[in-house]
Amino acid sequence: MKEELYKKGESYLEEKIARISHSILDLEAALTNESKSSAGDKYETSREMINIEIHKLSTQLQQFQQLQVTLEVSKRNTHSEVVKLGSLVEASNAIYFICIPIGEVVLDDKKAYVIGAGSPIAQALIGKSIGDSFNFNAISGTIVSIN
């Protein structure tokens, strides 16, 4: 299951990065094609709005590229007796994969929550061992296995 979740993460990030990169290219083309008209201020406002959007998308692109690095680091983390980045945790209430924040993923009729290491539920799990209990808001459970 872990390998399939890594593949889901990779395809999720590739799709997001491709979409954002395409949007940036479209905006850069619009900026290049923007011709100065007699409405001077309107032209400058339009160019500035495009530049703001490019900056916003560039920031998002950097965040998704950083998530790619996190995904690769989590792949290198070997099996452990305690929960850490890259752990697939089967708990009494759900399956959690501590990697990057994707959300709910269904594989082979099993539901897993792919969560980032900084998320509150991951923070409740990290450092725990098999048999340990954890609580997060109204969610409580016991760790059954760690892969």
N, C-alpha and C. Protein backbone atom coordinates (compact mmCIF):
# COMPACT_ATOMS: atom_id res chain seq x y z
N MET A 1 0.82 -1.19 0.00
CA MET A 1 0.00 0.00 0.00
C MET A 1 0.87 1.26 0.00
N LYS A 2 2.00 1.18 0.69
CA LYS A 2 2.88 2.34 0.80
C LYS A 2 3.37 2.81 -0.56
N GLU A 3 3.79 1.88 -1.41
CA GLU A 3 4.28 2.24 -2.75
C GLU A 3 3.19 2.92 -3.57
N GLU A 4 1.97 2.41 -3.48
CA GLU A 4 0.85 3.01 -4.22
C GLU A 4 0.58 4.44 -3.72
N LEU A 5 0.72 4.65 -2.42
CA LEU A 5 0.51 5.98 -1.86
C LEU A 5 1.61 6.93 -2.31
N TYR A 6 2.85 6.44 -2.40
CA TYR A 6 3.93 7.28 -2.93
C TYR A 6 3.62 7.67 -4.38
N LYS A 7 3.15 6.72 -5.17
CA LYS A 7 2.82 7.00 -6.57
C LYS A 7 1.69 8.02 -6.67
N LYS A 8 0.70 7.91 -5.79
CA LYS A 8 -0.40 8.89 -5.76
C LYS A 8 0.17 10.27 -5.45
N GLY A 9 1.08 10.32 -4.49
CA GLY A 9 1.70 11.59 -4.12
C GLY A 9 2.49 12.20 -5.28
N GLU A 10 3.25 11.36 -5.97
CA GLU A 10 4.03 11.84 -7.11
C GLU A 10 3.13 12.38 -8.21
N SER A 11 2.08 11.64 -8.55
CA SER A 11 1.19 12.09 -9.62
C SER A 11 0.42 13.35 -9.20
N TYR A 12 0.04 13.43 -7.94
CA TYR A 12 -0.64 14.62 -7.42
C TYR A 12 0.26 15.85 -7.59
N LEU A 13 1.53 15.73 -7.18
CA LEU A 13 2.44 16.86 -7.28
C LEU A 13 2.77 17.20 -8.72
N GLU A 14 2.98 16.19 -9.56
CA GLU A 14 3.27 16.45 -10.98
C GLU A 14 2.13 17.21 -11.64
N GLU A 15 0.89 16.83 -11.33
CA GLU A 15 -0.28 17.50 -11.92
C GLU A 15 -0.35 18.94 -11.44
N LYS A 16 -0.15 19.17 -10.15
CA LYS A 16 -0.22 20.53 -9.61
C LYS A 16 0.89 21.41 -10.19
N ILE A 17 2.11 20.87 -10.26
CA ILE A 17 3.24 21.64 -10.78
C ILE A 17 3.03 21.95 -12.26
N ALA A 18 2.55 20.99 -13.03
CA ALA A 18 2.31 21.22 -14.46
C ALA A 18 1.24 22.29 -14.66
N ARG A 19 0.17 22.22 -13.87
CA ARG A 19 -0.92 23.19 -14.01
C ARG A 19 -0.45 24.60 -13.66
N ILE A 20 0.30 24.73 -12.57
CA ILE A 20 0.80 26.05 -12.17
C ILE A 20 1.81 26.58 -13.18
N SER A 21 2.71 25.72 -13.65
CA SER A 21 3.72 26.14 -14.64
C SER A 21 3.04 26.63 -15.91
N HIS A 22 2.00 25.91 -16.34
CA HIS A 22 1.26 26.30 -17.54
C HIS A 22 0.59 27.67 -17.33
N SER A 23 0.03 27.88 -16.16
CA SER A 23 -0.61 29.16 -15.86
C SER A 23 0.40 30.30 -15.87
N ILE A 24 1.58 30.05 -15.32
CA ILE A 24 2.63 31.08 -15.31
C ILE A 24 3.04 31.43 -16.74
N LEU A 25 3.22 30.40 -17.57
CA LEU A 25 3.58 30.66 -18.98
C LEU A 25 2.50 31.46 -19.69
N ASP A 26 1.24 31.14 -19.43
CA ASP A 26 0.13 31.90 -20.04
C ASP A 26 0.16 33.36 -19.60
N LEU A 27 0.40 33.57 -18.32
CA LEU A 27 0.44 34.94 -17.82
C LEU A 27 1.65 35.70 -18.37
N GLU A 28 2.78 35.03 -18.48
CA GLU A 28 3.97 35.68 -19.05
C GLU A 28 3.73 36.05 -20.51
N ALA A 29 3.02 35.19 -21.23
CA ALA A 29 2.68 35.51 -22.63
C ALA A 29 1.73 36.70 -22.68
N ALA A 30 0.78 36.75 -21.77
CA ALA A 30 -0.15 37.88 -21.73
C ALA A 30 0.59 39.16 -21.40
N LEU A 31 1.57 39.08 -20.52
CA LEU A 31 2.37 40.24 -20.16
C LEU A 31 3.17 40.74 -21.36
N THR A 32 3.74 39.80 -22.10
CA THR A 32 4.52 40.15 -23.28
C THR A 32 3.63 40.77 -24.35
N ASN A 33 2.43 40.24 -24.50
CA ASN A 33 1.52 40.71 -25.53
C ASN A 33 0.79 41.99 -25.16
N GLU A 34 0.85 42.35 -23.89
CA GLU A 34 0.17 43.57 -23.43
C GLU A 34 0.81 44.76 -24.15
N SER A 35 0.04 45.45 -24.91
CA SER A 35 0.60 46.59 -25.64
C SER A 35 0.19 47.89 -24.98
N LYS A 36 1.09 48.84 -25.03
CA LYS A 36 0.80 50.12 -24.39
C LYS A 36 -0.25 50.85 -25.22
N SER A 37 -1.30 51.19 -24.53
CA SER A 37 -2.39 51.90 -25.22
C SER A 37 -2.39 53.36 -24.78
N SER A 38 -3.35 54.08 -25.28
CA SER A 38 -3.44 55.50 -24.92
C SER A 38 -3.93 55.67 -23.48
N ALA A 39 -4.37 54.57 -22.88
CA ALA A 39 -4.91 54.64 -21.53
C ALA A 39 -3.82 54.46 -20.48
N GLY A 40 -2.60 54.79 -20.72
CA GLY A 40 -1.44 54.70 -19.85
C GLY A 40 -1.61 54.01 -18.51
N ASP A 41 -2.38 54.61 -17.60
CA ASP A 41 -2.55 54.05 -16.25
C ASP A 41 -3.21 52.68 -16.29
N LYS A 42 -4.18 52.53 -17.19
CA LYS A 42 -4.87 51.24 -17.32
C LYS A 42 -3.87 50.16 -17.74
N TYR A 43 -2.97 50.50 -18.63
CA TYR A 43 -1.94 49.58 -19.09
C TYR A 43 -1.04 49.16 -17.93
N GLU A 44 -0.59 50.13 -17.16
CA GLU A 44 0.30 49.84 -16.04
C GLU A 44 -0.41 49.01 -14.98
N THR A 45 -1.68 49.31 -14.71
CA THR A 45 -2.46 48.55 -13.73
C THR A 45 -2.62 47.11 -14.19
N SER A 46 -2.90 46.92 -15.46
CA SER A 46 -3.06 45.57 -16.02
C SER A 46 -1.76 44.78 -15.90
N ARG A 47 -0.67 45.40 -16.25
CA ARG A 47 0.64 44.74 -16.15
C ARG A 47 0.96 44.39 -14.70
N GLU A 48 0.66 45.30 -13.78
CA GLU A 48 0.94 45.05 -12.37
C GLU A 48 0.07 43.90 -11.84
N MET A 49 -1.17 43.84 -12.26
CA MET A 49 -2.05 42.75 -11.82
C MET A 49 -1.52 41.41 -12.34
N ILE A 50 -1.04 41.38 -13.56
CA ILE A 50 -0.46 40.15 -14.11
C ILE A 50 0.79 39.77 -13.34
N ASN A 51 1.64 40.75 -13.01
CA ASN A 51 2.85 40.48 -12.24
C ASN A 51 2.53 39.95 -10.85
N ILE A 52 1.51 40.48 -10.22
CA ILE A 52 1.09 40.00 -8.89
C ILE A 52 0.65 38.54 -8.98
N GLU A 53 -0.12 38.21 -10.01
CA GLU A 53 -0.60 36.83 -10.19
C GLU A 53 0.57 35.88 -10.48
N ILE A 54 1.53 36.33 -11.28
CA ILE A 54 2.71 35.51 -11.57
C ILE A 54 3.48 35.25 -10.27
N HIS A 55 3.63 36.27 -9.44
CA HIS A 55 4.33 36.11 -8.17
C HIS A 55 3.60 35.11 -7.26
N LYS A 56 2.29 35.24 -7.20
CA LYS A 56 1.48 34.33 -6.37
C LYS A 56 1.64 32.89 -6.84
N LEU A 57 1.56 32.68 -8.15
CA LEU A 57 1.70 31.33 -8.70
C LEU A 57 3.13 30.80 -8.52
N SER A 58 4.11 31.67 -8.63
CA SER A 58 5.50 31.25 -8.42
C SER A 58 5.72 30.78 -6.99
N THR A 59 5.10 31.45 -6.04
CA THR A 59 5.18 31.03 -4.64
C THR A 59 4.55 29.66 -4.46
N GLN A 60 3.38 29.45 -5.07
CA GLN A 60 2.71 28.14 -4.99
C GLN A 60 3.58 27.06 -5.63
N LEU A 61 4.20 27.39 -6.75
CA LEU A 61 5.07 26.43 -7.45
C LEU A 61 6.23 26.02 -6.54
N GLN A 62 6.84 26.98 -5.87
CA GLN A 62 7.94 26.67 -4.94
C GLN A 62 7.46 25.77 -3.81
N GLN A 63 6.26 26.00 -3.32
CA GLN A 63 5.72 25.17 -2.23
C GLN A 63 5.53 23.73 -2.69
N PHE A 64 5.00 23.54 -3.90
CA PHE A 64 4.80 22.19 -4.42
C PHE A 64 6.14 21.51 -4.73
N GLN A 65 7.12 22.28 -5.18
CA GLN A 65 8.45 21.71 -5.41
C GLN A 65 9.09 21.30 -4.09
N GLN A 66 8.85 22.05 -3.03
CA GLN A 66 9.35 21.67 -1.71
C GLN A 66 8.66 20.39 -1.24
N LEU A 67 7.39 20.22 -1.55
CA LEU A 67 6.68 18.99 -1.20
C LEU A 67 7.29 17.80 -1.95
N GLN A 68 7.78 18.01 -3.17
CA GLN A 68 8.46 16.94 -3.90
C GLN A 68 9.70 16.49 -3.14
N VAL A 69 10.44 17.45 -2.59
CA VAL A 69 11.63 17.13 -1.81
C VAL A 69 11.23 16.34 -0.56
N THR A 70 10.18 16.79 0.11
CA THR A 70 9.69 16.08 1.30
C THR A 70 9.29 14.66 0.95
N LEU A 71 8.63 14.48 -0.18
CA LEU A 71 8.22 13.14 -0.62
C LEU A 71 9.44 12.25 -0.83
N GLU A 72 10.49 12.78 -1.46
CA GLU A 72 11.70 12.00 -1.69
C GLU A 72 12.40 11.65 -0.38
N VAL A 73 12.44 12.59 0.55
CA VAL A 73 13.05 12.33 1.86
C VAL A 73 12.28 11.24 2.58
N SER A 74 10.96 11.30 2.52
CA SER A 74 10.14 10.30 3.22
C SER A 74 10.35 8.90 2.63
N LYS A 75 10.63 8.83 1.33
CA LYS A 75 10.90 7.53 0.70
C LYS A 75 12.17 6.90 1.25
N ARG A 76 13.13 7.72 1.60
CA ARG A 76 14.42 7.22 2.10
C ARG A 76 14.37 6.79 3.56
N ASN A 77 13.34 7.22 4.27
CA ASN A 77 13.21 6.82 5.67
C ASN A 77 12.85 5.35 5.74
N THR A 78 13.66 4.59 6.42
CA THR A 78 13.45 3.15 6.52
C THR A 78 12.45 2.82 7.61
N HIS A 79 12.06 1.55 7.64
CA HIS A 79 11.12 1.07 8.65
C HIS A 79 11.63 1.43 10.04
N SER A 80 10.71 1.78 10.90
CA SER A 80 11.06 2.20 12.25
C SER A 80 10.04 1.65 13.24
N GLU A 81 10.45 1.56 14.46
CA GLU A 81 9.55 1.12 15.53
C GLU A 81 8.70 2.28 16.05
N VAL A 82 9.08 3.49 15.65
CA VAL A 82 8.30 4.67 16.06
C VAL A 82 7.81 5.40 14.81
N VAL A 83 6.72 6.12 14.96
CA VAL A 83 6.13 6.86 13.85
C VAL A 83 7.00 8.07 13.53
N LYS A 84 7.27 8.25 12.23
CA LYS A 84 8.06 9.38 11.75
C LYS A 84 7.63 9.68 10.31
N LEU A 85 8.27 10.67 9.70
CA LEU A 85 8.01 10.99 8.31
C LEU A 85 8.22 9.74 7.47
N GLY A 86 7.25 9.40 6.63
CA GLY A 86 7.34 8.21 5.79
C GLY A 86 6.68 6.99 6.39
N SER A 87 6.13 7.10 7.59
CA SER A 87 5.49 5.96 8.24
C SER A 87 4.05 5.78 7.74
N LEU A 88 3.71 4.54 7.50
CA LEU A 88 2.33 4.15 7.23
C LEU A 88 1.81 3.57 8.53
N VAL A 89 0.87 4.26 9.14
CA VAL A 89 0.39 3.92 10.46
C VAL A 89 -1.02 3.37 10.37
N GLU A 90 -1.18 2.13 10.78
CA GLU A 90 -2.52 1.58 10.89
C GLU A 90 -2.93 1.74 12.35
N ALA A 91 -3.99 2.49 12.55
CA ALA A 91 -4.50 2.72 13.90
C ALA A 91 -5.86 2.05 14.02
N SER A 92 -6.37 2.02 15.22
CA SER A 92 -7.67 1.39 15.46
C SER A 92 -8.80 2.12 14.76
N ASN A 93 -8.60 3.39 14.44
CA ASN A 93 -9.66 4.18 13.82
C ASN A 93 -9.45 4.50 12.34
N ALA A 94 -8.22 4.40 11.83
CA ALA A 94 -7.94 4.77 10.44
C ALA A 94 -6.51 4.39 10.08
N ILE A 95 -6.19 4.60 8.80
CA ILE A 95 -4.83 4.41 8.31
C ILE A 95 -4.29 5.80 7.95
N TYR A 96 -3.11 6.10 8.46
CA TYR A 96 -2.47 7.39 8.21
C TYR A 96 -1.11 7.16 7.55
N PHE A 97 -0.84 7.96 6.51
CA PHE A 97 0.46 7.93 5.87
C PHE A 97 1.07 9.31 6.04
N ILE A 98 2.16 9.38 6.80
CA ILE A 98 2.77 10.67 7.11
C ILE A 98 3.81 10.98 6.04
N CYS A 99 3.42 11.88 5.17
CA CYS A 99 4.24 12.18 4.01
C CYS A 99 4.03 13.63 3.59
N ILE A 100 3.11 13.84 2.67
CA ILE A 100 2.75 15.18 2.21
C ILE A 100 1.23 15.33 2.32
N PRO A 101 0.73 16.53 2.47
CA PRO A 101 -0.72 16.71 2.65
C PRO A 101 -1.51 16.56 1.34
N ILE A 102 -2.12 15.40 1.18
CA ILE A 102 -2.98 15.15 0.02
C ILE A 102 -4.43 14.99 0.47
N GLY A 103 -4.62 14.36 1.61
CA GLY A 103 -5.96 14.12 2.10
C GLY A 103 -6.32 12.65 1.99
N GLU A 104 -7.60 12.40 1.84
CA GLU A 104 -8.10 11.03 1.80
C GLU A 104 -7.82 10.38 0.45
N VAL A 105 -7.29 9.15 0.50
CA VAL A 105 -7.01 8.37 -0.70
C VAL A 105 -7.60 6.98 -0.48
N VAL A 106 -8.26 6.45 -1.51
CA VAL A 106 -8.83 5.11 -1.42
C VAL A 106 -8.05 4.19 -2.34
N LEU A 107 -7.50 3.11 -1.76
CA LEU A 107 -6.77 2.09 -2.52
C LEU A 107 -7.29 0.72 -2.10
N ASP A 108 -7.64 -0.09 -3.09
CA ASP A 108 -8.12 -1.44 -2.80
C ASP A 108 -9.22 -1.43 -1.75
N ASP A 109 -10.16 -0.52 -1.89
CA ASP A 109 -11.29 -0.38 -0.97
C ASP A 109 -10.87 -0.03 0.45
N LYS A 110 -9.63 0.40 0.63
CA LYS A 110 -9.16 0.85 1.95
C LYS A 110 -8.93 2.35 1.87
N LYS A 111 -9.39 3.04 2.89
CA LYS A 111 -9.24 4.49 2.97
C LYS A 111 -8.01 4.81 3.80
N ALA A 112 -7.15 5.68 3.27
CA ALA A 112 -5.97 6.15 4.00
C ALA A 112 -5.95 7.67 3.96
N TYR A 113 -5.44 8.25 5.00
CA TYR A 113 -5.30 9.69 5.06
C TYR A 113 -3.82 10.02 4.88
N VAL A 114 -3.50 10.66 3.77
CA VAL A 114 -2.13 11.05 3.46
C VAL A 114 -1.96 12.47 4.00
N ILE A 115 -1.13 12.59 5.04
CA ILE A 115 -1.03 13.85 5.78
C ILE A 115 0.41 14.31 5.87
N GLY A 116 0.58 15.60 6.00
CA GLY A 116 1.91 16.17 6.18
C GLY A 116 2.38 15.99 7.62
N ALA A 117 3.69 15.96 7.79
CA ALA A 117 4.27 15.76 9.12
C ALA A 117 3.95 16.91 10.07
N GLY A 118 3.64 18.06 9.54
CA GLY A 118 3.32 19.21 10.38
C GLY A 118 1.86 19.30 10.79
N SER A 119 1.04 18.42 10.27
CA SER A 119 -0.39 18.47 10.60
C SER A 119 -0.61 18.07 12.05
N PRO A 120 -1.66 18.57 12.66
CA PRO A 120 -1.92 18.24 14.07
C PRO A 120 -2.06 16.74 14.34
N ILE A 121 -2.72 16.00 13.46
CA ILE A 121 -2.87 14.56 13.69
C ILE A 121 -1.52 13.85 13.58
N ALA A 122 -0.68 14.28 12.62
CA ALA A 122 0.66 13.70 12.51
C ALA A 122 1.48 14.01 13.76
N GLN A 123 1.35 15.21 14.27
CA GLN A 123 2.07 15.57 15.48
C GLN A 123 1.64 14.73 16.67
N ALA A 124 0.37 14.32 16.67
CA ALA A 124 -0.13 13.45 17.74
C ALA A 124 0.43 12.03 17.60
N LEU A 125 0.81 11.65 16.37
CA LEU A 125 1.30 10.29 16.10
C LEU A 125 2.82 10.16 16.16
N ILE A 126 3.53 11.18 15.71
CA ILE A 126 5.00 11.10 15.61
C ILE A 126 5.62 10.80 16.97
N GLY A 127 6.53 9.82 16.95
CA GLY A 127 7.23 9.42 18.16
C GLY A 127 6.55 8.30 18.93
N LYS A 128 5.34 7.96 18.52
CA LYS A 128 4.59 6.88 19.20
C LYS A 128 4.99 5.53 18.61
N SER A 129 4.73 4.47 19.39
CA SER A 129 5.04 3.10 18.99
C SER A 129 3.77 2.27 18.92
N ILE A 130 3.91 1.05 18.42
CA ILE A 130 2.78 0.12 18.36
C ILE A 130 2.22 -0.07 19.78
N GLY A 131 0.90 0.02 19.88
CA GLY A 131 0.23 -0.13 21.17
C GLY A 131 -0.03 1.19 21.88
N ASP A 132 0.66 2.25 21.45
CA ASP A 132 0.45 3.57 22.07
C ASP A 132 -0.89 4.15 21.63
N SER A 133 -1.50 4.90 22.52
CA SER A 133 -2.74 5.60 22.21
C SER A 133 -2.42 7.04 21.83
N PHE A 134 -3.32 7.65 21.09
CA PHE A 134 -3.16 9.05 20.72
C PHE A 134 -4.52 9.72 20.72
N ASN A 135 -4.52 11.03 20.90
CA ASN A 135 -5.74 11.83 20.89
C ASN A 135 -5.50 13.08 20.07
N PHE A 136 -6.51 13.43 19.30
CA PHE A 136 -6.48 14.66 18.54
C PHE A 136 -7.93 15.12 18.41
N ASN A 137 -8.22 16.28 18.97
CA ASN A 137 -9.61 16.78 19.02
C ASN A 137 -10.52 15.67 19.52
N ALA A 138 -11.51 15.28 18.73
CA ALA A 138 -12.44 14.23 19.15
C ALA A 138 -11.99 12.86 18.64
N ILE A 139 -10.82 12.81 18.01
CA ILE A 139 -10.30 11.56 17.44
C ILE A 139 -9.34 10.93 18.44
N SER A 140 -9.58 9.65 18.73
CA SER A 140 -8.63 8.92 19.56
C SER A 140 -8.47 7.53 18.97
N GLY A 141 -7.33 6.95 19.20
CA GLY A 141 -7.08 5.63 18.66
C GLY A 141 -5.83 5.02 19.27
N THR A 142 -5.55 3.82 18.83
CA THR A 142 -4.37 3.09 19.26
C THR A 142 -3.62 2.62 18.01
N ILE A 143 -2.31 2.73 18.05
CA ILE A 143 -1.49 2.32 16.91
C ILE A 143 -1.41 0.79 16.87
N VAL A 144 -1.82 0.23 15.74
CA VAL A 144 -1.83 -1.22 15.55
C VAL A 144 -0.56 -1.69 14.84
N SER A 145 -0.12 -0.94 13.82
CA SER A 145 1.11 -1.30 13.10
C SER A 145 1.75 -0.05 12.50
N ILE A 146 3.06 -0.17 12.27
CA ILE A 146 3.84 0.90 11.65
C ILE A 146 4.68 0.28 10.54
N ASN A 147 4.53 0.78 9.34
CA ASN A 147 5.33 0.29 8.20
C ASN A 147 6.08 1.45 7.59
